[in-house]
Amino acid sequence: MRIFSLYILNKAGGLVFQKDVNPGIAKLTANDYLVLAGTLHSVHAIATNLKPAECRSLNETAQTVNGQILSSGKASTPNVNNLGLQHVDTDYFSLYVFQTLTGIKFVLVTSPVAKQDHSHESPLSTKGELRKQYELVEEYFKQLYVLYCDYVMKDPFYSTDMPIKSTLFEAKIKSVCEA
Protein backbone atom coordinates (compact mmCIF):
# COMPACT_ATOMS: atom_id res chain seq x y z
CA MET A 1 0.00 0.00 0.00
CA ARG A 2 1.32 3.43 -0.99
CA ILE A 3 0.28 6.66 0.66
CA PHE A 4 -0.42 9.38 -1.88
CA SER A 5 -1.58 12.29 0.28
CA LEU A 6 -2.26 13.38 3.83
CA TYR A 7 -4.77 16.08 4.78
CA ILE A 8 -5.37 17.44 8.28
CA LEU A 9 -8.67 19.25 8.88
CA ASN A 10 -9.52 21.33 11.93
CA LYS A 11 -12.77 20.77 13.81
CA ALA A 12 -14.55 23.36 11.64
CA GLY A 13 -13.53 21.55 8.44
CA GLY A 14 -10.76 23.93 7.42
CA LEU A 15 -7.66 22.51 5.79
CA VAL A 16 -4.68 23.13 8.09
CA PHE A 17 -2.17 20.78 6.44
CA GLN A 18 -1.86 19.11 3.05
CA LYS A 19 1.03 17.01 1.81
CA ASP A 20 1.30 15.01 -1.41
CA VAL A 21 3.84 12.41 -0.33
CA ASN A 22 4.11 10.06 -3.30
CA PRO A 23 3.13 10.99 -6.82
CA GLY A 24 0.31 8.91 -8.16
CA ILE A 25 -2.80 11.04 -8.22
CA ALA A 26 -3.43 14.28 -10.06
CA LYS A 27 -2.10 17.45 -8.42
CA LEU A 28 -4.87 19.83 -7.38
CA THR A 29 -4.87 23.60 -7.10
CA ALA A 30 -4.81 25.28 -3.68
CA ASN A 31 -8.50 26.14 -4.03
CA ASP A 32 -9.36 22.53 -4.95
CA TYR A 33 -7.70 21.30 -1.74
CA LEU A 34 -9.83 23.72 0.30
CA VAL A 35 -13.01 22.61 -1.47
CA LEU A 36 -12.05 18.95 -0.95
CA ALA A 37 -11.52 19.53 2.78
CA GLY A 38 -14.88 21.26 3.15
CA THR A 39 -16.64 18.54 1.19
CA LEU A 40 -15.07 15.76 3.26
CA HIS A 41 -16.04 17.54 6.47
CA SER A 42 -19.63 17.96 5.24
CA VAL A 43 -19.97 14.35 4.07
CA HIS A 44 -18.56 13.17 7.40
CA ALA A 45 -21.13 15.27 9.29
CA ILE A 46 -23.99 13.99 7.11
CA ALA A 47 -22.86 10.37 7.49
CA THR A 48 -22.77 10.82 11.26
CA ASN A 49 -26.42 11.86 11.28
CA LEU A 50 -27.58 9.14 8.85
CA LYS A 51 -26.59 6.24 11.10
CA PRO A 52 -29.64 4.45 12.60
CA ALA A 53 -30.39 5.12 16.27
CA GLU A 54 -29.86 1.45 17.22
CA CYS A 55 -26.29 1.57 15.94
CA ARG A 56 -25.54 4.83 17.73
CA SER A 57 -26.34 3.34 21.12
CA LEU A 58 -23.89 0.49 20.49
CA ASN A 59 -20.96 2.78 19.73
CA GLU A 60 -19.05 4.77 22.30
CA THR A 61 -20.04 8.40 22.40
CA ALA A 62 -17.52 11.17 22.94
CA GLN A 63 -18.89 11.55 26.47
CA THR A 64 -18.20 7.91 27.41
CA VAL A 65 -14.75 8.07 25.79
CA ASN A 66 -13.97 11.21 27.81
CA GLY A 67 -15.17 9.47 30.98
CA GLN A 68 -12.95 6.49 30.20
CA ILE A 69 -9.95 8.77 29.70
CA LEU A 70 -10.58 10.59 32.98
CA SER A 71 -10.95 7.34 34.93
CA SER A 72 -8.15 5.27 33.38
CA GLY A 73 -5.87 7.87 31.84
CA LYS A 74 -6.23 6.58 28.27
CA ALA A 75 -8.81 5.70 25.64
CA SER A 76 -9.27 2.23 24.22
CA THR A 77 -8.62 3.75 20.80
CA PRO A 78 -7.71 7.33 19.89
CA ASN A 79 -10.05 7.21 16.87
CA VAL A 80 -13.50 8.47 17.87
CA ASN A 81 -14.81 8.26 14.31
CA ASN A 82 -17.46 5.62 15.06
CA LEU A 83 -20.38 7.20 13.27
CA GLY A 84 -19.06 9.24 10.36
CA LEU A 85 -17.30 8.55 7.10
CA GLN A 86 -14.43 6.13 7.73
CA HIS A 87 -13.35 4.68 4.41
CA VAL A 88 -14.01 5.16 0.70
CA ASP A 89 -12.67 2.68 -1.83
CA THR A 90 -12.47 3.36 -5.59
CA ASP A 91 -10.64 1.79 -8.50
CA TYR A 92 -8.01 4.55 -8.36
CA PHE A 93 -7.50 5.26 -4.65
CA SER A 94 -8.66 4.48 -1.12
CA LEU A 95 -9.49 7.25 1.34
CA TYR A 96 -9.42 6.80 5.13
CA VAL A 97 -10.60 9.24 7.82
CA PHE A 98 -9.35 9.33 11.43
CA GLN A 99 -10.97 11.72 13.90
CA THR A 100 -9.48 12.65 17.28
CA LEU A 101 -11.38 13.53 20.46
CA THR A 102 -10.77 17.21 19.74
CA GLY A 103 -12.38 16.96 16.30
CA ILE A 104 -9.20 17.08 14.21
CA LYS A 105 -9.53 14.84 11.15
CA PHE A 106 -6.61 13.09 9.49
CA VAL A 107 -7.35 11.97 5.93
CA LEU A 108 -5.08 9.53 4.10
CA VAL A 109 -5.35 8.89 0.38
CA THR A 110 -3.67 5.58 -0.49
CA SER A 111 -3.31 3.21 -3.38
CA PRO A 112 -6.45 1.10 -3.81
CA VAL A 113 -6.94 -2.30 -2.27
CA ALA A 114 -5.61 -4.82 -4.79
CA LYS A 115 -8.42 -6.24 -6.89
CA GLN A 116 -8.27 -10.00 -7.12
CA ASP A 117 -10.53 -12.65 -8.56
CA HIS A 118 -12.62 -13.74 -5.60
CA SER A 119 -15.27 -15.66 -7.56
CA HIS A 120 -14.26 -18.97 -5.98
CA GLU A 121 -13.64 -17.56 -2.48
CA SER A 122 -16.10 -16.71 0.23
CA PRO A 123 -16.92 -13.06 0.97
CA LEU A 124 -15.30 -13.55 4.38
CA SER A 125 -11.81 -13.82 2.86
CA THR A 126 -12.32 -10.48 1.09
CA LYS A 127 -13.46 -8.92 4.36
CA GLY A 128 -10.33 -10.29 6.01
CA GLU A 129 -8.12 -8.60 3.42
CA LEU A 130 -9.96 -5.31 3.85
CA ARG A 131 -9.63 -5.64 7.63
CA LYS A 132 -5.85 -6.12 7.30
CA GLN A 133 -5.60 -3.00 5.12
CA TYR A 134 -7.67 -1.01 7.61
CA GLU A 135 -5.50 -2.18 10.53
CA LEU A 136 -2.38 -1.09 8.63
CA VAL A 137 -3.91 2.33 8.04
CA GLU A 138 -4.85 2.55 11.73
CA GLU A 139 -1.16 2.07 12.59
CA TYR A 140 -0.22 4.88 10.19
CA PHE A 141 -2.85 7.11 11.80
CA LYS A 142 -1.43 6.43 15.26
CA GLN A 143 2.08 7.34 14.10
CA LEU A 144 0.83 10.49 12.35
CA TYR A 145 -1.17 11.54 15.41
CA VAL A 146 1.88 11.16 17.66
CA LEU A 147 3.91 13.29 15.22
CA TYR A 148 1.11 15.89 15.19
CA CYS A 149 1.10 16.03 18.99
CA ASP A 150 4.89 16.16 19.29
CA TYR A 151 5.78 18.58 16.49
CA VAL A 152 2.68 20.74 16.08
CA MET A 153 0.76 20.92 19.36
CA LYS A 154 3.93 21.27 21.45
CA ASP A 155 5.24 24.04 19.20
CA PRO A 156 4.95 27.31 21.17
CA PHE A 157 4.58 29.30 17.94
CA TYR A 158 1.64 27.29 16.58
CA SER A 159 -1.87 28.72 16.93
CA THR A 160 -4.69 26.19 17.06
CA ASP A 161 -6.75 25.81 13.86
CA MET A 162 -4.20 27.74 11.81
CA PRO A 163 -2.24 26.26 8.89
CA ILE A 164 0.70 24.09 9.97
CA LYS A 165 4.03 25.53 8.79
CA SER A 166 6.58 23.23 10.42
CA THR A 167 9.39 21.91 8.23
CA LEU A 168 10.35 19.40 10.92
CA PHE A 169 6.77 18.06 11.02
CA GLU A 170 6.73 17.81 7.21
CA ALA A 171 10.03 15.89 7.20
CA LYS A 172 8.76 13.44 9.83
CA ILE A 173 5.49 12.95 7.92
CA LYS A 174 7.40 12.25 4.74
CA SER A 175 9.61 9.66 6.45
CA VAL A 176 6.59 7.81 7.90
CA CYS A 177 4.60 7.88 4.66
CA GLU A 178 7.49 6.75 2.46
CA ALA A 179 8.44 3.83 4.71
C-alpha atoms as a PDB file:
ATOM      1  CA  MET A   1       0.000   0.000   0.000  1.00  0.00           C
ATOM      2  CA  ARG A   2       1.318   3.431  -0.989  1.00  0.00           C
ATOM      3  CA  ILE A   3       0.275   6.661   0.665  1.00  0.00           C
ATOM      4  CA  PHE A   4      -0.418   9.378  -1.885  1.00  0.00           C
ATOM      5  CA  SER A   5      -1.582  12.289   0.285  1.00  0.00           C
ATOM      6  CA  LEU A   6      -2.262  13.384   3.834  1.00  0.00           C
ATOM      7  CA  TYR A   7      -4.769  16.080   4.781  1.00  0.00           C
ATOM      8  CA  ILE A   8      -5.372  17.440   8.275  1.00  0.00           C
ATOM      9  CA  LEU A   9      -8.667  19.249   8.877  1.00  0.00           C
ATOM     10  CA  ASN A  10      -9.519  21.325  11.929  1.00  0.00           C
ATOM     11  CA  LYS A  11     -12.775  20.773  13.808  1.00  0.00           C
ATOM     12  CA  ALA A  12     -14.547  23.356  11.636  1.00  0.00           C
ATOM     13  CA  GLY A  13     -13.526  21.550   8.439  1.00  0.00           C
ATOM     14  CA  GLY A  14     -10.755  23.931   7.421  1.00  0.00           C
ATOM     15  CA  LEU A  15      -7.656  22.505   5.791  1.00  0.00           C
ATOM     16  CA  VAL A  16      -4.676  23.129   8.088  1.00  0.00           C
ATOM     17  CA  PHE A  17      -2.171  20.778   6.439  1.00  0.00           C
ATOM     18  CA  GLN A  18      -1.859  19.107   3.052  1.00  0.00           C
ATOM     19  CA  LYS A  19       1.026  17.010   1.812  1.00  0.00           C
ATOM     20  CA  ASP A  20       1.303  15.014  -1.411  1.00  0.00           C
ATOM     21  CA  VAL A  21       3.844  12.409  -0.332  1.00  0.00           C
ATOM     22  CA  ASN A  22       4.112  10.057  -3.299  1.00  0.00           C
ATOM     23  CA  PRO A  23       3.133  10.990  -6.821  1.00  0.00           C
ATOM     24  CA  GLY A  24       0.310   8.905  -8.160  1.00  0.00           C
ATOM     25  CA  ILE A  25      -2.795  11.044  -8.221  1.00  0.00           C
ATOM     26  CA  ALA A  26      -3.432  14.283 -10.060  1.00  0.00           C
ATOM     27  CA  LYS A  27      -2.102  17.445  -8.424  1.00  0.00           C
ATOM     28  CA  LEU A  28      -4.866  19.827  -7.382  1.00  0.00           C
ATOM     29  CA  THR A  29      -4.870  23.604  -7.100  1.00  0.00           C
ATOM     30  CA  ALA A  30      -4.814  25.284  -3.682  1.00  0.00           C
ATOM     31  CA  ASN A  31      -8.498  26.141  -4.034  1.00  0.00           C
ATOM     32  CA  ASP A  32      -9.356  22.535  -4.953  1.00  0.00           C
ATOM     33  CA  TYR A  33      -7.703  21.301  -1.744  1.00  0.00           C
ATOM     34  CA  LEU A  34      -9.828  23.719   0.301  1.00  0.00           C
ATOM     35  CA  VAL A  35     -13.006  22.606  -1.474  1.00  0.00           C
ATOM     36  CA  LEU A  36     -12.050  18.954  -0.955  1.00  0.00           C
ATOM     37  CA  ALA A  37     -11.524  19.532   2.784  1.00  0.00           C
ATOM     38  CA  GLY A  38     -14.885  21.264   3.152  1.00  0.00           C
ATOM     39  CA  THR A  39     -16.635  18.539   1.187  1.00  0.00           C
ATOM     40  CA  LEU A  40     -15.068  15.755   3.262  1.00  0.00           C
ATOM     41  CA  HIS A  41     -16.042  17.539   6.467  1.00  0.00           C
ATOM     42  CA  SER A  42     -19.634  17.960   5.244  1.00  0.00           C
ATOM     43  CA  VAL A  43     -19.968  14.349   4.072  1.00  0.00           C
ATOM     44  CA  HIS A  44     -18.564  13.174   7.404  1.00  0.00           C
ATOM     45  CA  ALA A  45     -21.135  15.272   9.291  1.00  0.00           C
ATOM     46  CA  ILE A  46     -23.991  13.989   7.112  1.00  0.00           C
ATOM     47  CA  ALA A  47     -22.862  10.372   7.489  1.00  0.00           C
ATOM     48  CA  THR A  48     -22.769  10.817  11.264  1.00  0.00           C
ATOM     49  CA  ASN A  49     -26.421  11.861  11.279  1.00  0.00           C
ATOM     50  CA  LEU A  50     -27.577   9.144   8.853  1.00  0.00           C
ATOM     51  CA  LYS A  51     -26.595   6.237  11.101  1.00  0.00           C
ATOM     52  CA  PRO A  52     -29.636   4.452  12.599  1.00  0.00           C
ATOM     53  CA  ALA A  53     -30.386   5.124  16.272  1.00  0.00           C
ATOM     54  CA  GLU A  54     -29.863   1.448  17.222  1.00  0.00           C
ATOM     55  CA  CYS A  55     -26.289   1.572  15.944  1.00  0.00           C
ATOM     56  CA  ARG A  56     -25.543   4.831  17.735  1.00  0.00           C
ATOM     57  CA  SER A  57     -26.342   3.344  21.117  1.00  0.00           C
ATOM     58  CA  LEU A  58     -23.887   0.494  20.487  1.00  0.00           C
ATOM     59  CA  ASN A  59     -20.959   2.783  19.728  1.00  0.00           C
ATOM     60  CA  GLU A  60     -19.046   4.770  22.303  1.00  0.00           C
ATOM     61  CA  THR A  61     -20.042   8.404  22.398  1.00  0.00           C
ATOM     62  CA  ALA A  62     -17.522  11.166  22.944  1.00  0.00           C
ATOM     63  CA  GLN A  63     -18.887  11.548  26.474  1.00  0.00           C
ATOM     64  CA  THR A  64     -18.198   7.907  27.411  1.00  0.00           C
ATOM     65  CA  VAL A  65     -14.752   8.071  25.794  1.00  0.00           C
ATOM     66  CA  ASN A  66     -13.967  11.210  27.808  1.00  0.00           C
ATOM     67  CA  GLY A  67     -15.173   9.469  30.983  1.00  0.00           C
ATOM     68  CA  GLN A  68     -12.951   6.493  30.205  1.00  0.00           C
ATOM     69  CA  ILE A  69      -9.950   8.774  29.699  1.00  0.00           C
ATOM     70  CA  LEU A  70     -10.583  10.585  32.983  1.00  0.00           C
ATOM     71  CA  SER A  71     -10.946   7.340  34.932  1.00  0.00           C
ATOM     72  CA  SER A  72      -8.147   5.275  33.375  1.00  0.00           C
ATOM     73  CA  GLY A  73      -5.870   7.874  31.836  1.00  0.00           C
ATOM     74  CA  LYS A  74      -6.232   6.585  28.272  1.00  0.00           C
ATOM     75  CA  ALA A  75      -8.812   5.699  25.638  1.00  0.00           C
ATOM     76  CA  SER A  76      -9.272   2.227  24.215  1.00  0.00           C
ATOM     77  CA  THR A  77      -8.618   3.751  20.796  1.00  0.00           C
ATOM     78  CA  PRO A  78      -7.713   7.335  19.891  1.00  0.00           C
ATOM     79  CA  ASN A  79     -10.053   7.212  16.873  1.00  0.00           C
ATOM     80  CA  VAL A  80     -13.502   8.474  17.867  1.00  0.00           C
ATOM     81  CA  ASN A  81     -14.811   8.255  14.315  1.00  0.00           C
ATOM     82  CA  ASN A  82     -17.458   5.623  15.058  1.00  0.00           C
ATOM     83  CA  LEU A  83     -20.385   7.204  13.269  1.00  0.00           C
ATOM     84  CA  GLY A  84     -19.057   9.240  10.359  1.00  0.00           C
ATOM     85  CA  LEU A  85     -17.295   8.547   7.096  1.00  0.00           C
ATOM     86  CA  GLN A  86     -14.427   6.132   7.734  1.00  0.00           C
ATOM     87  CA  HIS A  87     -13.352   4.681   4.410  1.00  0.00           C
ATOM     88  CA  VAL A  88     -14.009   5.162   0.699  1.00  0.00           C
ATOM     89  CA  ASP A  89     -12.665   2.678  -1.833  1.00  0.00           C
ATOM     90  CA  THR A  90     -12.468   3.363  -5.588  1.00  0.00           C
ATOM     91  CA  ASP A  91     -10.636   1.789  -8.502  1.00  0.00           C
ATOM     92  CA  TYR A  92      -8.009   4.551  -8.360  1.00  0.00           C
ATOM     93  CA  PHE A  93      -7.500   5.259  -4.646  1.00  0.00           C
ATOM     94  CA  SER A  94      -8.658   4.485  -1.125  1.00  0.00           C
ATOM     95  CA  LEU A  95      -9.489   7.248   1.340  1.00  0.00           C
ATOM     96  CA  TYR A  96      -9.417   6.804   5.133  1.00  0.00           C
ATOM     97  CA  VAL A  97     -10.600   9.239   7.822  1.00  0.00           C
ATOM     98  CA  PHE A  98      -9.351   9.332  11.430  1.00  0.00           C
ATOM     99  CA  GLN A  99     -10.969  11.721  13.905  1.00  0.00           C
ATOM    100  CA  THR A 100      -9.479  12.651  17.282  1.00  0.00           C
ATOM    101  CA  LEU A 101     -11.382  13.530  20.460  1.00  0.00           C
ATOM    102  CA  THR A 102     -10.770  17.207  19.741  1.00  0.00           C
ATOM    103  CA  GLY A 103     -12.383  16.958  16.296  1.00  0.00           C
ATOM    104  CA  ILE A 104      -9.199  17.080  14.213  1.00  0.00           C
ATOM    105  CA  LYS A 105      -9.533  14.838  11.151  1.00  0.00           C
ATOM    106  CA  PHE A 106      -6.613  13.087   9.492  1.00  0.00           C
ATOM    107  CA  VAL A 107      -7.354  11.972   5.930  1.00  0.00           C
ATOM    108  CA  LEU A 108      -5.083   9.529   4.098  1.00  0.00           C
ATOM    109  CA  VAL A 109      -5.347   8.893   0.375  1.00  0.00           C
ATOM    110  CA  THR A 110      -3.675   5.582  -0.495  1.00  0.00           C
ATOM    111  CA  SER A 111      -3.312   3.208  -3.382  1.00  0.00           C
ATOM    112  CA  PRO A 112      -6.452   1.103  -3.814  1.00  0.00           C
ATOM    113  CA  VAL A 113      -6.936  -2.299  -2.267  1.00  0.00           C
ATOM    114  CA  ALA A 114      -5.608  -4.824  -4.788  1.00  0.00           C
ATOM    115  CA  LYS A 115      -8.416  -6.237  -6.894  1.00  0.00           C
ATOM    116  CA  GLN A 116      -8.269  -9.997  -7.120  1.00  0.00           C
ATOM    117  CA  ASP A 117     -10.525 -12.652  -8.562  1.00  0.00           C
ATOM    118  CA  HIS A 118     -12.621 -13.738  -5.601  1.00  0.00           C
ATOM    119  CA  SER A 119     -15.266 -15.656  -7.558  1.00  0.00           C
ATOM    120  CA  HIS A 120     -14.263 -18.965  -5.978  1.00  0.00           C
ATOM    121  CA  GLU A 121     -13.642 -17.562  -2.483  1.00  0.00           C
ATOM    122  CA  SER A 122     -16.101 -16.709   0.233  1.00  0.00           C
ATOM    123  CA  PRO A 123     -16.922 -13.058   0.968  1.00  0.00           C
ATOM    124  CA  LEU A 124     -15.301 -13.548   4.380  1.00  0.00           C
ATOM    125  CA  SER A 125     -11.813 -13.821   2.857  1.00  0.00           C
ATOM    126  CA  THR A 126     -12.318 -10.484   1.092  1.00  0.00           C
ATOM    127  CA  LYS A 127     -13.463  -8.917   4.358  1.00  0.00           C
ATOM    128  CA  GLY A 128     -10.333 -10.292   6.012  1.00  0.00           C
ATOM    129  CA  GLU A 129      -8.119  -8.601   3.420  1.00  0.00           C
ATOM    130  CA  LEU A 130      -9.963  -5.315   3.854  1.00  0.00           C
ATOM    131  CA  ARG A 131      -9.633  -5.640   7.628  1.00  0.00           C
ATOM    132  CA  LYS A 132      -5.846  -6.117   7.301  1.00  0.00           C
ATOM    133  CA  GLN A 133      -5.597  -3.003   5.116  1.00  0.00           C
ATOM    134  CA  TYR A 134      -7.670  -1.008   7.609  1.00  0.00           C
ATOM    135  CA  GLU A 135      -5.502  -2.184  10.531  1.00  0.00           C
ATOM    136  CA  LEU A 136      -2.378  -1.094   8.629  1.00  0.00           C
ATOM    137  CA  VAL A 137      -3.913   2.328   8.036  1.00  0.00           C
ATOM    138  CA  GLU A 138      -4.850   2.553  11.734  1.00  0.00           C
ATOM    139  CA  GLU A 139      -1.156   2.069  12.590  1.00  0.00           C
ATOM    140  CA  TYR A 140      -0.224   4.878  10.190  1.00  0.00           C
ATOM    141  CA  PHE A 141      -2.846   7.114  11.797  1.00  0.00           C
ATOM    142  CA  LYS A 142      -1.432   6.430  15.263  1.00  0.00           C
ATOM    143  CA  GLN A 143       2.078   7.343  14.098  1.00  0.00           C
ATOM    144  CA  LEU A 144       0.832  10.493  12.350  1.00  0.00           C
ATOM    145  CA  TYR A 145      -1.171  11.540  15.405  1.00  0.00           C
ATOM    146  CA  VAL A 146       1.883  11.158  17.655  1.00  0.00           C
ATOM    147  CA  LEU A 147       3.907  13.290  15.225  1.00  0.00           C
ATOM    148  CA  TYR A 148       1.114  15.890  15.188  1.00  0.00           C
ATOM    149  CA  CYS A 149       1.100  16.030  18.989  1.00  0.00           C
ATOM    150  CA  ASP A 150       4.893  16.161  19.286  1.00  0.00           C
ATOM    151  CA  TYR A 151       5.779  18.579  16.491  1.00  0.00           C
ATOM    152  CA  VAL A 152       2.678  20.742  16.085  1.00  0.00           C
ATOM    153  CA  MET A 153       0.755  20.919  19.357  1.00  0.00           C
ATOM    154  CA  LYS A 154       3.927  21.272  21.452  1.00  0.00           C
ATOM    155  CA  ASP A 155       5.239  24.042  19.199  1.00  0.00           C
ATOM    156  CA  PRO A 156       4.947  27.313  21.175  1.00  0.00           C
ATOM    157  CA  PHE A 157       4.582  29.303  17.944  1.00  0.00           C
ATOM    158  CA  TYR A 158       1.645  27.286  16.580  1.00  0.00           C
ATOM    159  CA  SER A 159      -1.867  28.722  16.929  1.00  0.00           C
ATOM    160  CA  THR A 160      -4.693  26.193  17.062  1.00  0.00           C
ATOM    161  CA  ASP A 161      -6.752  25.815  13.860  1.00  0.00           C
ATOM    162  CA  MET A 162      -4.196  27.744  11.814  1.00  0.00           C
ATOM    163  CA  PRO A 163      -2.236  26.255   8.888  1.00  0.00           C
ATOM    164  CA  ILE A 164       0.700  24.089   9.972  1.00  0.00           C
ATOM    165  CA  LYS A 165       4.030  25.526   8.788  1.00  0.00           C
ATOM    166  CA  SER A 166       6.582  23.233  10.416  1.00  0.00           C
ATOM    167  CA  THR A 167       9.387  21.911   8.229  1.00  0.00           C
ATOM    168  CA  LEU A 168      10.348  19.396  10.919  1.00  0.00           C
ATOM    169  CA  PHE A 169       6.772  18.065  11.019  1.00  0.00           C
ATOM    170  CA  GLU A 170       6.731  17.808   7.211  1.00  0.00           C
ATOM    171  CA  ALA A 171      10.025  15.892   7.204  1.00  0.00           C
ATOM    172  CA  LYS A 172       8.758  13.436   9.826  1.00  0.00           C
ATOM    173  CA  ILE A 173       5.486  12.954   7.919  1.00  0.00           C
ATOM    174  CA  LYS A 174       7.405  12.254   4.736  1.00  0.00           C
ATOM    175  CA  SER A 175       9.613   9.660   6.448  1.00  0.00           C
ATOM    176  CA  VAL A 176       6.593   7.810   7.900  1.00  0.00           C
ATOM    177  CA  CYS A 177       4.603   7.880   4.658  1.00  0.00           C
ATOM    178  CA  GLU A 178       7.485   6.747   2.458  1.00  0.00           C
ATOM    179  CA  ALA A 179       8.438   3.831   4.710  1.00  0.00           C
END
